[in-house]
Protein backbone atom coordinates (compact mmCIF):
# COMPACT_ATOMS: atom_id res chain seq x y z
CA MET A 1 0.00 0.00 0.00
CA SER A 2 1.45 3.36 -1.01
CA ALA A 3 1.45 6.49 1.09
CA GLU A 4 -1.07 8.17 -1.21
CA THR A 5 -3.51 5.29 -0.88
CA LEU A 6 -3.12 5.27 2.89
CA ILE A 7 -3.81 9.00 3.16
CA ALA A 8 -6.79 8.72 0.80
CA SER A 9 -8.25 5.86 2.83
CA LEU A 10 -7.88 7.87 6.03
CA ILE A 11 -9.67 10.83 4.46
CA VAL A 12 -12.44 8.65 3.04
CA SER A 13 -12.90 6.86 6.36
CA GLY A 14 -13.05 10.22 8.13
CA ILE A 15 -15.79 11.40 5.79
CA GLY A 16 -17.60 8.11 6.40
CA THR A 17 -17.35 8.53 10.15
CA VAL A 18 -18.81 12.03 9.97
CA ALA A 19 -21.63 10.86 7.70
CA PHE A 20 -22.42 7.89 9.95
CA ILE A 21 -22.49 10.00 13.12
CA TYR A 22 -24.66 12.62 11.43
CA GLY A 23 -27.05 9.93 10.20
CA LYS A 24 -27.23 8.34 13.62
CA ARG A 25 -27.99 11.63 15.38
CA GLN A 26 -30.57 12.70 12.79
CA SER A 27 -32.02 9.17 12.34
CA ARG A 28 -31.22 9.17 8.62
CA VAL A 29 -30.64 5.71 7.23
CA PRO A 30 -29.01 6.75 3.90
CA HIS A 31 -26.34 8.74 5.73
CA MET A 32 -25.65 5.86 8.09
CA ALA A 33 -25.44 3.32 5.25
CA VAL A 34 -23.11 5.41 3.08
CA GLY A 35 -21.05 6.35 6.13
CA ALA A 36 -20.58 2.70 7.04
CA LEU A 37 -19.64 1.80 3.47
CA LEU A 38 -17.13 4.68 3.32
CA CYS A 39 -15.54 3.42 6.52
CA ILE A 40 -15.29 -0.19 5.38
CA PHE A 41 -14.43 -0.31 1.68
CA PRO A 42 -10.94 1.32 1.83
CA TYR A 43 -9.72 -1.81 3.65
CA PHE A 44 -10.38 -3.87 0.53
CA VAL A 45 -9.32 -1.47 -2.25
CA GLU A 46 -5.64 -0.68 -2.77
CA ASN A 47 -5.90 1.39 -5.94
CA LEU A 48 -5.99 5.17 -5.40
CA TYR A 49 -8.13 5.92 -8.45
CA LEU A 50 -10.58 3.13 -7.68
CA THR A 51 -10.89 4.42 -4.12
CA ALA A 52 -11.63 7.92 -5.42
CA GLY A 53 -14.15 6.58 -7.93
CA ILE A 54 -16.03 4.51 -5.38
CA THR A 55 -16.08 7.46 -2.99
CA VAL A 56 -17.52 9.76 -5.64
CA LEU A 57 -20.17 7.15 -6.55
CA LEU A 58 -21.21 6.62 -2.93
CA LEU A 59 -21.38 10.33 -2.15
CA GLY A 60 -23.27 10.93 -5.39
CA ALA A 61 -25.75 8.22 -4.45
CA LEU A 62 -26.17 9.82 -1.04
CA TRP A 63 -26.71 13.23 -2.60
CA GLY A 64 -29.22 11.80 -5.08
CA SER A 65 -31.16 9.95 -2.40
CA VAL A 66 -31.40 13.04 -0.22
CA LYS A 67 -32.15 15.41 -3.11
CA PHE A 68 -34.70 13.37 -5.02
CA LEU A 69 -36.27 11.01 -2.49
CA SER A 70 -36.97 13.40 0.37
CA LEU A 71 -40.11 15.46 0.08
């Protein structure tokens, strides 16, 4: 694992932790689910670009679910 990948995984996991805590406090399931996934998946992915891509997809899915599914 390179230094760049390690730093990226720490940043992604930090974002996931914040999203999970926010979701838990506000009782929002999408935030908790994406937060948990952001905390877990960097352990299994060692490619920096793949990590960035998965992060963008998960955060985009969270944004879409909040934007279009909440009334």
